N, C-alpha and C. Protein backbone atom coordinates (compact mmCIF):
# COMPACT_ATOMS: atom_id res chain seq x y z
N MET A 1 214.27 54.08 109.34
CA MET A 1 215.40 54.67 108.41
C MET A 1 215.09 53.60 107.27
N ILE A 2 215.11 54.82 105.67
CA ILE A 2 215.21 55.19 104.87
C ILE A 2 216.15 54.39 104.06
N ASN A 3 216.23 52.95 103.19
CA ASN A 3 217.75 53.03 102.52
C ASN A 3 217.78 53.01 101.88
N CYS A 4 218.93 53.24 100.65
CA CYS A 4 219.56 54.16 99.20
C CYS A 4 220.70 53.42 99.23
N ILE A 5 221.12 53.68 97.77
CA ILE A 5 222.17 53.33 97.04
C ILE A 5 222.41 54.69 96.12
N ILE A 6 223.60 54.74 96.00
CA ILE A 6 224.14 55.95 94.53
C ILE A 6 225.20 55.83 93.43
N ILE A 7 224.29 55.72 92.68
CA ILE A 7 224.65 55.00 91.38
C ILE A 7 225.52 55.88 90.24
N GLU A 8 227.18 56.92 90.24
CA GLU A 8 227.20 57.70 89.74
C GLU A 8 228.13 57.50 89.75
N ASP A 9 228.96 57.56 89.11
CA ASP A 9 230.83 57.24 88.30
C ASP A 9 231.42 58.82 88.30
N GLU A 10 230.80 60.04 89.07
CA GLU A 10 231.83 61.52 89.26
C GLU A 10 232.33 61.12 90.68
N HIS A 11 233.46 61.45 90.62
CA HIS A 11 233.29 61.24 92.53
C HIS A 11 233.38 62.65 92.97
N GLY A 12 233.15 63.59 92.09
CA GLY A 12 232.73 64.86 93.26
C GLY A 12 231.34 64.95 93.73
N ALA A 13 230.89 64.19 92.59
CA ALA A 13 229.16 64.25 92.26
C ALA A 13 228.66 62.79 93.98
N GLN A 14 229.58 62.26 93.62
CA GLN A 14 229.22 61.34 94.61
C GLN A 14 229.97 61.59 96.10
N GLU A 15 230.35 62.12 96.19
CA GLU A 15 230.52 63.43 97.51
C GLU A 15 229.81 63.86 98.00
N ILE A 16 229.34 64.73 97.30
CA ILE A 16 227.78 65.59 97.63
C ILE A 16 227.09 64.99 97.62
N LEU A 17 226.82 63.57 97.08
CA LEU A 17 224.77 63.02 97.37
C LEU A 17 225.45 62.13 99.05
N GLU A 18 226.54 61.67 98.82
CA GLU A 18 226.64 61.60 100.10
C GLU A 18 227.03 62.04 101.42
N ASN A 19 227.28 63.39 101.47
CA ASN A 19 227.80 64.44 102.55
C ASN A 19 225.67 64.92 102.63
N TYR A 20 225.11 64.56 101.74
CA TYR A 20 223.53 65.46 101.66
C TYR A 20 223.00 64.14 102.26
N VAL A 21 223.51 62.54 101.85
CA VAL A 21 222.53 61.94 102.93
C VAL A 21 222.71 61.27 103.62
N ASP A 22 224.09 62.07 104.74
CA ASP A 22 224.88 62.02 106.27
C ASP A 22 223.99 62.99 107.40
N LYS A 23 223.87 64.26 106.52
CA LYS A 23 223.21 64.83 107.29
C LYS A 23 221.56 65.04 107.09
N THR A 24 221.10 64.43 106.50
CA THR A 24 219.40 63.59 106.78
C THR A 24 218.50 62.52 107.95
N PRO A 25 217.94 62.25 108.26
CA PRO A 25 218.11 61.56 109.36
C PRO A 25 217.26 60.78 109.16
N PHE A 26 216.80 60.65 108.17
CA PHE A 26 215.89 59.07 108.02
C PHE A 26 216.58 58.91 107.00
N LEU A 27 217.51 58.57 105.39
CA LEU A 27 218.04 58.75 104.90
C LEU A 27 219.54 57.57 105.58
N HIS A 28 220.42 56.25 105.33
CA HIS A 28 221.11 55.91 105.21
C HIS A 28 221.45 54.90 103.84
N CYS A 29 222.94 55.72 103.89
CA CYS A 29 222.99 55.56 102.70
C CYS A 29 224.03 53.44 102.41
N LYS A 30 223.38 52.39 101.34
CA LYS A 30 223.78 51.30 101.70
C LYS A 30 225.27 50.85 100.25
N GLY A 31 225.03 52.26 99.71
CA GLY A 31 226.72 51.73 98.94
C GLY A 31 226.14 52.91 97.55
N ILE A 32 227.82 53.24 96.89
CA ILE A 32 227.35 53.87 96.12
C ILE A 32 228.67 52.94 94.35
N TYR A 33 227.83 52.57 93.96
CA TYR A 33 228.09 52.51 92.09
C TYR A 33 229.26 53.21 90.97
N GLU A 34 229.60 52.75 91.20
CA GLU A 34 230.07 53.66 88.83
C GLU A 34 228.96 53.54 88.58
N SER A 35 228.63 52.11 88.01
CA SER A 35 228.05 51.46 87.26
C SER A 35 227.00 50.53 88.12
N GLY A 36 225.15 50.56 86.92
CA GLY A 36 224.81 49.46 87.52
C GLY A 36 224.53 48.27 87.53
N LEU A 37 226.21 48.15 86.35
CA LEU A 37 225.96 46.54 86.35
C LEU A 37 227.09 45.98 87.24
N ASP A 38 227.07 46.91 88.67
CA ASP A 38 228.30 46.49 89.45
C ASP A 38 227.34 46.15 91.26
N ILE A 39 226.72 45.70 90.39
CA ILE A 39 224.98 45.60 91.55
C ILE A 39 224.61 44.63 90.97
N ASP A 40 224.00 43.58 91.95
CA ASP A 40 223.93 42.70 92.18
C ASP A 40 221.99 42.79 92.43
N SER A 41 221.37 42.02 92.20
CA SER A 41 219.61 42.01 92.85
C SER A 41 219.58 41.96 93.88
N GLN A 42 220.86 41.02 94.60
CA GLN A 42 219.96 41.27 95.95
C GLN A 42 220.25 42.36 96.92
N GLN A 43 220.93 42.47 96.31
CA GLN A 43 221.95 43.92 97.24
C GLN A 43 220.74 45.17 97.15
N LEU A 44 219.58 45.54 95.54
CA LEU A 44 218.88 45.68 95.24
C LEU A 44 217.41 46.05 95.74
N GLU A 45 217.77 44.60 96.58
CA GLU A 45 216.25 44.03 96.99
C GLU A 45 216.07 45.07 98.92
N LYS A 46 217.75 45.13 99.19
CA LYS A 46 217.53 45.33 100.57
C LYS A 46 217.71 47.02 100.45
N VAL A 47 217.45 47.63 99.48
CA VAL A 47 217.47 49.37 99.25
C VAL A 47 215.79 49.05 99.02
N ASP A 48 215.00 51.18 99.43
CA ASP A 48 213.82 51.20 99.08
C ASP A 48 214.28 52.43 97.98
N PHE A 49 215.34 52.82 97.58
CA PHE A 49 215.24 53.82 96.43
C PHE A 49 216.59 53.59 96.13
N ILE A 50 217.02 54.75 94.95
CA ILE A 50 217.82 54.75 94.03
C ILE A 50 218.21 56.22 93.94
N PHE A 51 219.57 57.17 94.30
CA PHE A 51 220.08 57.51 93.47
C PHE A 51 220.51 57.24 92.19
N LEU A 52 220.44 57.96 90.94
CA LEU A 52 220.52 57.31 89.85
C LEU A 52 221.26 58.51 89.16
N ASP A 53 222.51 58.84 88.31
CA ASP A 53 222.82 59.47 87.24
C ASP A 53 222.52 57.93 85.56
N ILE A 54 222.44 59.06 85.01
CA ILE A 54 221.81 58.93 83.41
C ILE A 54 223.52 58.86 83.23
N GLN A 55 224.19 59.49 82.27
CA GLN A 55 225.74 59.39 82.11
C GLN A 55 226.58 58.79 82.88
N LEU A 56 226.32 57.54 82.58
CA LEU A 56 227.91 56.17 82.76
C LEU A 56 227.96 55.22 82.40
N PRO A 57 229.40 54.73 82.83
CA PRO A 57 230.11 53.72 81.80
C PRO A 57 229.03 52.46 81.11
N GLU A 58 229.63 52.41 80.15
CA GLU A 58 228.79 50.66 79.52
C GLU A 58 227.23 51.09 79.19
N LEU A 59 226.72 51.21 80.10
CA LEU A 59 224.84 51.69 80.64
C LEU A 59 224.38 52.48 80.69
N ASN A 60 223.65 53.34 80.02
CA ASN A 60 223.16 54.99 81.00
C ASN A 60 222.43 54.66 81.97
N GLY A 61 222.03 55.50 82.34
CA GLY A 61 220.82 55.26 83.71
C GLY A 61 220.03 54.63 83.92
N LEU A 62 218.70 55.61 82.62
CA LEU A 62 217.60 55.07 82.31
C LEU A 62 217.46 53.31 81.48
N SER A 63 218.74 52.97 80.82
CA SER A 63 218.98 51.91 79.92
C SER A 63 218.48 51.15 81.34
N PHE A 64 219.35 51.06 81.59
CA PHE A 64 219.86 50.98 83.58
C PHE A 64 218.19 49.93 84.22
N LEU A 65 217.85 51.21 84.67
CA LEU A 65 216.49 51.09 85.01
C LEU A 65 215.27 50.19 84.31
N ARG A 66 215.28 49.94 82.47
CA ARG A 66 214.51 49.47 81.98
C ARG A 66 214.89 48.07 82.39
N THR A 67 216.38 47.56 82.73
CA THR A 67 216.28 46.19 82.63
C THR A 67 216.15 45.76 84.00
N LEU A 68 215.73 46.10 84.74
CA LEU A 68 215.34 46.16 86.21
C LEU A 68 213.42 45.36 86.17
N ALA A 69 213.23 43.92 86.19
CA ALA A 69 211.95 43.53 86.64
C ALA A 69 211.52 44.76 87.34
N ASN A 70 211.93 44.46 88.46
CA ASN A 70 211.45 45.51 89.97
C ASN A 70 211.38 46.00 90.60
N PRO A 71 211.83 47.73 89.64
CA PRO A 71 212.71 48.56 90.25
C PRO A 71 212.31 48.92 91.71
N PRO A 72 213.10 49.30 92.73
CA PRO A 72 213.10 50.40 92.99
C PRO A 72 213.13 52.01 92.99
N LYS A 73 212.72 52.47 93.53
CA LYS A 73 211.38 54.04 93.11
C LYS A 73 213.44 54.91 93.24
N VAL A 74 213.57 55.58 92.34
CA VAL A 74 214.49 55.88 91.62
C VAL A 74 214.10 58.12 91.94
N ILE A 75 215.20 59.09 92.20
CA ILE A 75 215.68 59.75 91.73
C ILE A 75 216.44 60.02 91.11
N ILE A 76 216.34 60.72 89.69
CA ILE A 76 217.58 60.48 88.94
C ILE A 76 218.29 61.91 88.92
N THR A 77 219.99 61.69 89.22
CA THR A 77 220.92 62.87 89.68
C THR A 77 221.36 62.98 88.49
N THR A 78 220.86 64.54 87.29
CA THR A 78 222.08 64.91 86.14
C THR A 78 222.37 65.37 85.93
N ALA A 79 223.20 65.66 84.88
CA ALA A 79 223.96 67.64 84.27
C ALA A 79 223.06 67.67 83.20
N TYR A 80 221.99 66.85 83.34
CA TYR A 80 221.38 66.94 81.37
C TYR A 80 219.81 67.05 82.00
N PRO A 81 219.33 68.14 81.00
CA PRO A 81 217.15 68.68 82.08
C PRO A 81 217.16 67.52 80.69
N ASP A 82 217.77 67.22 78.96
CA ASP A 82 217.17 66.63 78.14
C ASP A 82 216.33 65.65 78.17
N TYR A 83 217.14 64.91 79.78
CA TYR A 83 215.86 63.64 79.78
C TYR A 83 214.56 63.30 80.22
N ALA A 84 214.10 64.77 81.00
CA ALA A 84 213.03 64.58 81.80
C ALA A 84 212.33 64.14 81.90
N VAL A 85 211.09 64.54 80.59
CA VAL A 85 210.68 63.66 79.82
C VAL A 85 211.07 62.17 79.45
N GLU A 86 212.22 61.24 79.67
CA GLU A 86 212.42 59.70 79.34
C GLU A 86 212.49 60.00 80.26
N ALA A 87 212.48 59.77 81.45
CA ALA A 87 213.07 59.26 83.46
C ALA A 87 211.23 59.09 83.42
N PHE A 88 210.96 60.48 83.60
CA PHE A 88 209.41 60.49 83.89
C PHE A 88 208.34 59.57 83.19
N GLU A 89 208.27 58.75 82.09
CA GLU A 89 207.92 57.62 82.23
C GLU A 89 208.23 56.38 82.54
N GLU A 90 208.95 56.39 83.17
CA GLU A 90 209.86 55.08 83.74
C GLU A 90 209.34 55.47 84.94
N ALA A 91 208.80 56.21 85.20
CA ALA A 91 207.81 56.74 86.99
C ALA A 91 208.54 56.79 88.30
N VAL A 92 210.06 57.66 88.00
CA VAL A 92 210.69 58.08 88.78
C VAL A 92 210.24 59.27 89.81
N VAL A 93 210.80 59.40 90.91
CA VAL A 93 210.03 59.85 91.74
C VAL A 93 210.48 61.47 91.13
N ASP A 94 211.45 62.00 90.96
CA ASP A 94 212.42 62.75 91.04
C ASP A 94 213.30 63.30 89.85
N TYR A 95 214.09 64.54 89.74
CA TYR A 95 214.34 64.69 88.49
C TYR A 95 215.62 65.90 89.05
N LEU A 96 216.72 65.55 89.60
CA LEU A 96 217.12 66.38 90.17
C LEU A 96 218.69 66.95 89.51
N VAL A 97 218.17 68.22 88.71
CA VAL A 97 219.74 68.63 87.86
C VAL A 97 220.69 68.98 88.72
N LYS A 98 222.22 68.77 87.55
CA LYS A 98 222.96 69.07 88.86
C LYS A 98 223.82 70.47 87.84
N PRO A 99 224.09 71.37 88.98
CA PRO A 99 224.18 71.65 90.34
C PRO A 99 223.26 71.85 91.65
N PHE A 100 222.32 70.71 92.57
CA PHE A 100 221.42 70.84 92.72
C PHE A 100 221.86 71.53 95.23
N SER A 101 220.78 71.84 95.41
CA SER A 101 221.25 72.19 96.55
C SER A 101 220.99 71.91 97.50
N TYR A 102 221.28 71.77 98.77
CA TYR A 102 220.34 70.57 99.54
C TYR A 102 219.01 70.71 100.22
N GLU A 103 218.37 72.05 99.74
CA GLU A 103 217.68 71.86 100.06
C GLU A 103 216.58 71.51 99.30
N ARG A 104 216.73 72.07 97.68
CA ARG A 104 216.30 70.79 96.81
C ARG A 104 216.47 69.07 96.44
N PHE A 105 217.90 68.70 97.46
CA PHE A 105 217.22 67.52 97.36
C PHE A 105 216.63 67.22 98.17
N PHE A 106 216.32 67.94 99.58
CA PHE A 106 215.91 67.59 100.70
C PHE A 106 214.16 66.94 100.43
N LYS A 107 213.44 68.12 99.84
CA LYS A 107 212.56 68.03 98.91
C LYS A 107 212.41 67.20 98.12
N ALA A 108 212.85 66.47 97.55
CA ALA A 108 212.94 65.26 96.42
C ALA A 108 213.11 64.17 97.56
N VAL A 109 213.28 63.83 98.50
CA VAL A 109 213.67 63.31 99.54
C VAL A 109 212.61 62.39 100.21
N ASN A 110 212.05 63.90 100.21
CA ASN A 110 211.37 63.81 101.59
C ASN A 110 209.55 63.00 100.00
N ARG A 111 209.32 63.45 99.19
CA ARG A 111 208.58 62.43 98.17
C ARG A 111 209.07 60.67 98.95
N ILE A 112 210.39 61.06 98.81
CA ILE A 112 210.36 58.89 98.98
C ILE A 112 210.29 58.94 100.49
N GLN A 113 210.27 59.16 101.63
CA GLN A 113 209.81 59.63 102.76
C GLN A 113 208.52 59.54 102.49
N ASP A 114 207.42 60.27 101.74
CA ASP A 114 205.60 60.12 101.90
C ASP A 114 205.79 58.79 101.05
N LYS A 115 206.00 57.76 100.19
CA LYS A 115 205.97 57.06 98.95
C LYS A 115 206.66 55.05 100.48
N THR A 116 207.91 55.83 101.22
CA THR A 116 207.69 54.46 101.87
C THR A 116 207.34 54.14 103.19
N ILE A 117 206.96 55.84 103.48
CA ILE A 117 206.32 54.85 104.73
C ILE A 117 204.97 55.24 105.10
N GLU A 118 204.98 53.78 105.95
CA GLU A 118 202.82 53.57 105.89
C GLU A 118 203.15 54.98 107.19
N LYS A 119 202.01 55.04 106.92
CA LYS A 119 201.15 56.11 107.42
C LYS A 119 200.38 54.96 108.33
N LYS A 120 201.21 55.43 110.50
CA LYS A 120 200.52 54.66 111.14
C LYS A 120 199.92 55.53 112.12
N GLU A 121 199.02 54.55 112.71
CA GLU A 121 199.05 56.00 114.36
C GLU A 121 200.25 56.18 114.88
N ASN A 122 201.13 55.17 115.48
CA ASN A 122 202.37 54.95 116.09
C ASN A 122 203.45 56.64 115.20
N ILE A 123 203.10 56.83 113.29
CA ILE A 123 204.97 57.04 113.33
C ILE A 123 203.66 58.90 112.60
N LYS A 124 203.79 59.72 114.05
CA LYS A 124 203.43 61.58 113.50
C LYS A 124 204.77 62.14 113.96
N GLN A 125 205.27 62.15 113.11
CA GLN A 125 206.82 63.13 113.14
C GLN A 125 206.74 63.66 111.61
N PHE A 126 207.78 64.27 111.70
CA PHE A 126 207.99 64.85 110.28
C PHE A 126 209.29 65.20 110.07
N PHE A 127 210.05 66.20 108.98
CA PHE A 127 211.10 66.77 109.00
C PHE A 127 210.78 67.62 108.20
N LEU A 128 211.85 69.03 108.46
CA LEU A 128 211.61 70.03 107.47
C LEU A 128 212.48 70.63 107.60
N TYR A 129 212.81 71.00 106.74
CA TYR A 129 214.40 71.85 106.26
C TYR A 129 213.80 72.98 105.85
N ALA A 130 214.72 74.10 106.53
CA ALA A 130 214.27 75.52 106.63
C ALA A 130 215.82 76.31 107.56
N ASP A 131 216.43 77.37 106.98
CA ASP A 131 217.15 78.60 107.12
C ASP A 131 218.54 77.61 107.55
N LYS A 132 218.62 76.14 106.45
CA LYS A 132 219.73 75.41 106.67
C LYS A 132 219.97 74.50 107.99
N THR A 133 218.86 74.68 108.65
CA THR A 133 218.51 73.53 109.92
C THR A 133 217.54 72.95 109.66
N ILE A 134 217.43 71.06 110.13
CA ILE A 134 216.57 70.08 109.54
C ILE A 134 215.65 70.01 111.20
N TYR A 135 214.16 70.41 110.96
CA TYR A 135 213.58 70.39 112.60
C TYR A 135 212.48 68.66 112.51
N ASN A 136 213.03 68.43 113.42
CA ASN A 136 211.35 67.10 113.70
C ASN A 136 210.28 67.95 114.28
N ILE A 137 209.52 67.50 113.79
CA ILE A 137 208.15 68.18 114.47
C ILE A 137 207.33 67.36 114.39
N HIS A 138 206.88 66.90 115.56
CA HIS A 138 205.80 66.07 116.09
C HIS A 138 204.29 66.82 115.42
N ILE A 139 203.05 65.87 115.04
CA ILE A 139 202.12 65.70 113.71
C ILE A 139 201.56 66.94 115.34
N ASP A 140 201.29 66.39 116.50
CA ASP A 140 200.36 66.39 117.30
C ASP A 140 200.47 68.29 117.45
N ASP A 141 201.97 68.70 116.67
CA ASP A 141 202.43 69.85 118.06
C ASP A 141 201.67 71.27 117.03
N VAL A 142 201.09 70.61 115.68
CA VAL A 142 200.76 71.26 114.83
C VAL A 142 199.65 72.15 114.44
N PHE A 143 200.08 73.40 114.61
CA PHE A 143 198.46 74.06 115.02
C PHE A 143 197.68 73.86 113.45
N PHE A 144 198.51 74.53 112.48
CA PHE A 144 198.31 75.16 111.32
C PHE A 144 199.12 74.89 110.08
N LEU A 145 199.05 75.12 108.09
CA LEU A 145 199.71 75.16 107.23
C LEU A 145 198.98 76.65 106.99
N LYS A 146 200.01 77.20 106.33
CA LYS A 146 199.24 78.66 105.73
C LYS A 146 199.75 78.87 104.13
N ALA A 147 199.71 79.26 103.50
CA ALA A 147 200.15 78.66 101.76
C ALA A 147 201.07 80.35 101.90
N GLU A 148 202.14 80.51 101.63
CA GLU A 148 202.74 81.55 101.27
C GLU A 148 203.69 81.69 99.64
N VAL A 149 202.74 82.16 99.48
CA VAL A 149 203.68 82.42 97.32
C VAL A 149 204.08 80.53 97.08
N ASP A 150 205.34 80.23 96.84
CA ASP A 150 205.85 79.53 96.92
C ASP A 150 206.63 78.48 98.16
N TYR A 151 205.71 79.22 99.45
CA TYR A 151 205.96 78.57 100.43
C TYR A 151 205.30 78.04 101.41
N VAL A 152 204.70 76.90 102.94
CA VAL A 152 204.15 77.18 103.26
C VAL A 152 204.66 77.57 104.79
N LYS A 153 204.49 77.86 105.16
CA LYS A 153 204.36 78.60 106.60
C LYS A 153 203.81 77.06 107.62
N VAL A 154 204.46 76.34 108.60
CA VAL A 154 204.01 75.69 108.78
C VAL A 154 204.20 76.78 111.02
N VAL A 155 202.98 76.62 111.27
CA VAL A 155 202.78 76.52 112.26
C VAL A 155 203.02 76.43 113.53
N THR A 156 203.57 75.75 114.68
CA THR A 156 203.16 75.03 116.23
C THR A 156 203.12 76.28 116.72
N LYS A 157 203.28 75.38 118.15
CA LYS A 157 203.06 76.22 119.52
C LYS A 157 204.46 77.47 119.81
N GLN A 158 205.19 76.28 119.55
CA GLN A 158 207.03 76.68 120.07
C GLN A 158 207.72 77.32 118.57
N LYS A 159 207.19 77.26 117.36
CA LYS A 159 207.97 78.34 116.14
C LYS A 159 207.00 78.16 115.10
N ASN A 160 207.44 79.05 114.00
CA ASN A 160 206.89 79.03 112.71
C ASN A 160 207.93 77.94 111.68
N ILE A 161 207.65 77.71 110.66
CA ILE A 161 208.32 76.82 110.09
C ILE A 161 207.86 77.48 108.13
N LEU A 162 208.93 77.81 107.80
CA LEU A 162 208.63 77.97 106.56
C LEU A 162 209.23 77.41 105.39
N ILE A 163 208.72 76.65 105.15
CA ILE A 163 209.09 75.22 103.75
C ILE A 163 209.00 75.83 102.37
N LEU A 164 210.45 75.48 101.61
CA LEU A 164 209.79 75.54 99.96
C LEU A 164 208.93 74.48 99.50
N ASP A 165 207.39 74.12 99.35
CA ASP A 165 206.40 73.43 99.02
C ASP A 165 205.65 74.05 98.58
N THR A 166 204.50 73.42 98.69
CA THR A 166 202.77 73.42 98.60
C THR A 166 202.00 73.06 99.23
N LEU A 167 200.86 73.87 99.03
CA LEU A 167 199.56 73.61 100.11
C LEU A 167 199.51 72.06 99.45
N ARG A 168 198.79 71.96 98.48
CA ARG A 168 198.48 70.51 97.99
C ARG A 168 198.69 69.17 98.47
N ASN A 169 200.71 69.43 98.05
CA ASN A 169 201.66 68.06 98.66
C ASN A 169 201.10 67.57 100.21
N TRP A 170 201.03 69.03 101.04
CA TRP A 170 200.63 68.45 102.57
C TRP A 170 199.72 68.42 103.05
N GLU A 171 198.30 68.62 101.84
CA GLU A 171 197.25 68.17 101.98
C GLU A 171 197.00 66.70 101.29
N GLU A 172 197.67 65.46 100.65
CA GLU A 172 198.21 64.82 100.39
C GLU A 172 198.93 64.32 101.75
N LYS A 173 199.93 64.46 102.30
CA LYS A 173 200.81 63.89 103.38
C LYS A 173 199.23 63.80 104.35
N LEU A 174 199.36 64.62 104.48
CA LEU A 174 197.70 65.39 106.00
C LEU A 174 197.08 64.21 106.12
N GLN A 175 196.29 63.66 104.69
CA GLN A 175 194.75 63.09 104.61
C GLN A 175 194.30 61.90 105.45
N ASN A 176 195.99 61.43 106.09
CA ASN A 176 195.38 60.02 107.55
C ASN A 176 195.37 60.65 108.65
N PHE A 177 195.94 62.38 108.83
CA PHE A 177 195.50 62.39 110.41
C PHE A 177 194.80 63.51 109.54
N ASN A 178 194.22 63.92 111.65
CA ASN A 178 193.03 64.82 112.08
C ASN A 178 193.20 65.36 110.87
N PHE A 179 193.72 66.48 110.26
CA PHE A 179 193.75 67.86 109.14
C PHE A 179 193.32 67.92 108.75
N ILE A 180 192.41 69.31 108.01
CA ILE A 180 191.49 69.48 107.11
C ILE A 180 192.33 71.32 106.03
N ARG A 181 191.76 71.06 104.44
CA ARG A 181 192.10 71.85 103.90
C ARG A 181 191.02 72.13 104.43
N ILE A 182 190.17 73.58 105.12
CA ILE A 182 189.49 74.96 104.93
C ILE A 182 189.85 75.59 104.07
N HIS A 183 190.74 76.36 103.57
CA HIS A 183 190.52 78.02 102.37
C HIS A 183 191.96 77.55 102.04
N ARG A 184 191.38 77.97 100.13
CA ARG A 184 192.89 77.76 99.81
C ARG A 184 193.90 77.84 99.91
N SER A 185 194.41 78.21 101.53
CA SER A 185 195.77 79.62 101.66
C SER A 185 195.94 78.16 103.39
N TYR A 186 195.35 77.65 103.95
CA TYR A 186 195.01 77.49 104.72
C TYR A 186 194.56 75.38 104.97
N ILE A 187 195.18 74.99 105.17
CA ILE A 187 194.92 73.24 105.87
C ILE A 187 195.17 73.97 108.05
N ILE A 188 194.21 73.08 108.66
CA ILE A 188 194.55 73.03 110.18
C ILE A 188 194.10 71.96 110.82
N ASN A 189 194.96 72.05 111.81
CA ASN A 189 195.23 70.46 112.49
C ASN A 189 192.97 70.68 113.65
N MET A 190 192.28 70.03 113.49
CA MET A 190 191.40 69.73 113.56
C MET A 190 191.18 69.69 114.75
N ASP A 191 192.42 68.66 115.94
CA ASP A 191 191.83 68.93 117.16
C ASP A 191 192.49 70.48 118.10
N LYS A 192 193.43 71.49 117.83
CA LYS A 192 193.37 72.56 118.20
C LYS A 192 192.14 73.58 117.84
N ILE A 193 191.80 73.32 116.62
CA ILE A 193 190.18 74.58 116.86
C ILE A 193 189.80 74.40 118.62
N GLU A 194 189.60 75.61 118.24
CA GLU A 194 188.92 76.74 120.07
C GLU A 194 187.06 76.96 119.92
N LYS A 195 187.34 77.64 118.19
CA LYS A 195 185.48 77.91 118.25
C LYS A 195 185.44 77.94 116.61
N VAL A 196 184.36 77.59 116.40
CA VAL A 196 183.96 78.59 114.71
C VAL A 196 183.42 79.69 115.35
N SER A 197 183.51 80.46 114.66
CA SER A 197 182.94 81.67 114.47
C SER A 197 181.72 82.55 113.39
N GLY A 198 181.12 82.05 112.90
CA GLY A 198 180.94 82.32 111.74
C GLY A 198 181.62 82.26 109.97
N ASN A 199 182.80 83.08 109.40
CA ASN A 199 183.04 82.70 108.37
C ASN A 199 184.54 81.97 108.94
N GLN A 200 184.43 81.62 110.43
CA GLN A 200 186.61 81.91 110.51
C GLN A 200 186.20 80.93 111.85
N VAL A 201 187.28 79.81 111.63
CA VAL A 201 188.16 79.17 112.91
C VAL A 201 188.82 79.79 113.75
N PHE A 202 188.83 79.37 115.07
CA PHE A 202 189.49 80.14 116.02
C PHE A 202 190.21 78.64 116.31
N ILE A 203 191.83 78.96 116.99
CA ILE A 203 192.85 78.18 116.83
C ILE A 203 193.97 79.55 117.64
N GLY A 204 194.21 79.03 118.71
CA GLY A 204 194.94 80.14 119.86
C GLY A 204 194.10 81.30 119.62
N ASP A 205 194.58 82.53 119.59
CA ASP A 205 194.44 83.11 118.81
C ASP A 205 194.58 83.92 117.52
N LYS A 206 194.71 82.60 117.13
CA LYS A 206 194.45 83.27 115.69
C LYS A 206 193.84 82.60 114.66
N ALA A 207 192.38 83.55 113.93
CA ALA A 207 191.51 83.25 113.72
C ALA A 207 191.88 83.23 111.83
N ILE A 208 191.11 82.06 111.15
CA ILE A 208 191.51 81.76 110.20
C ILE A 208 189.55 81.14 109.32
N PRO A 209 190.50 82.16 108.12
CA PRO A 209 188.80 82.37 107.33
C PRO A 209 188.37 80.82 106.33
N ILE A 210 187.47 80.66 106.33
CA ILE A 210 187.18 79.30 106.32
C ILE A 210 185.98 79.86 104.95
N GLY A 211 187.25 78.86 103.83
CA GLY A 211 186.55 79.49 102.14
C GLY A 211 185.49 79.05 101.77
N LYS A 212 184.83 79.72 100.61
CA LYS A 212 183.53 79.24 100.41
C LYS A 212 183.57 77.64 100.31
N THR A 213 183.82 77.62 99.04
CA THR A 213 184.51 76.00 98.53
C THR A 213 184.63 74.73 99.16
N TYR A 214 185.07 75.16 100.71
CA TYR A 214 185.63 73.89 101.84
C TYR A 214 184.54 74.50 102.88
N LYS A 215 183.12 75.36 102.96
CA LYS A 215 182.90 75.51 103.88
C LYS A 215 181.86 74.46 104.10
N ASN A 216 180.62 73.31 102.97
CA ASN A 216 180.20 72.54 103.38
C ASN A 216 180.97 71.23 104.22
N THR A 217 181.75 70.65 102.92
CA THR A 217 182.76 69.83 103.87
C THR A 217 182.90 70.02 105.30
N PHE A 218 183.90 70.99 105.57
CA PHE A 218 183.68 71.69 107.14
C PHE A 218 183.08 71.92 107.97
N LEU A 219 181.71 72.69 107.69
CA LEU A 219 180.64 71.89 108.08
C LEU A 219 179.88 69.96 108.42
N LYS A 220 179.81 69.78 107.75
CA LYS A 220 179.75 67.63 107.28
C LYS A 220 180.74 67.69 108.46
N LEU A 221 181.66 67.82 108.66
CA LEU A 221 182.85 66.51 109.14
C LEU A 221 182.50 67.34 110.91
N ILE A 222 182.62 69.16 110.83
CA ILE A 222 181.35 69.15 112.51
C ILE A 222 180.80 68.94 113.07
N ASN A 223 179.82 68.45 112.43
CA ASN A 223 178.58 67.92 112.32
C ASN A 223 178.02 68.92 112.96
N TYR A 224 177.96 69.79 111.96
CA TYR A 224 177.46 71.74 112.09
C TYR A 224 175.76 71.74 111.21
């Protein structure tokens, strides 16, 4: 479970964030505050990240962030896009411009999850959001991932799930598992390979092309 707090002075925005957090299985909100000045340092030490508005009473969000010696990770939530460059200079994880959808929210907190949860052998599940549904996927059930323009299709034995994301992002997420990118459009689960023939890998009844850029690395990995 990943713990967060919300620092937001608008009650409507507070309710939206609280609702989004409640419907996200791996998040828990430990408190909602209207100003960073309302929070003591001990409370901050108990959370993994902050949802932080910029326009706050007395001290704006970025100024508050600069007062912290060891700040948690931060997702900015604001109605003002103009502060994005300044915010990323403070190493925030993401910058959400109101109003934002749950899909955009979920993409942001997934980045937090990637940075917070250490990839260990006993952590082999992740959550995907598609078609207003959150899917709990075990990593061993994934056959391959395919780039689809602005989306990624995650193919498992049971279903195909199309998510708003990039294949490069998933290449980083899966680097500690037995997955490899073999084409600009494909990442495969090595454990699911049935055979390699010519310039193709076969997983189930699917023939997946091996790109020229990736072929030597792949062949070395399978000791060919």
